[in-house]
Every structure is written in structure tokens, then in C-alpha cells.
């Protein structure tokens, strides 16, 4: 009987951890959506059009911009991860 109760507690704990992780991911998604609008507005203010264009030159420009931003974001993620991991 003690083993069943312990197994049940472990299951409830696992469910709580899963729910907490799911909620954290959902909150992060909402934050990302808000920041997307901030970034897109910043590009618009700077005169950079990120709308998809039907011509090849526009697509190449969009692709190069996306690659550069991805590289910069990866560097920032690495730097922030190292900063956050310091004790």
C-alpha cells in the first residue's frame, strides 16, 4: 500500500512538472509574439521592408537578412546562456 501511494505521488509530481513546463513554453510563445511585433516595427522605422517579394532579388535580400539575424541571435543566445550559468 505504501508503494502505491508513493507511485501516485510521483505521478502527480510528473504531471505538475509537465504542466509547469507547458505553461512556461506558452508564456514564452506569447512573449515571442510581442517581441516579433517590436522587431518588425523597428525594421519598418529603419526603412527595411521584410515583406515577401515575388522577385528573385527581393527574396535573396530577405534570405540574407534572415541569415544575418539568425547568426546574431545565436551569438546572443550563447552569450546570455553563459552569463546566466555563472554562479
Foldseek 3Di string as FASTA:
>chain_A
DVVVVVVVVVVVVVVVVVVVVVVVVVVVVVVVVVVVVVVCVVCVVVVHDLDDDPDPVSVVVNVVVVVVVVVVVVVVVVVVVVVVPDD
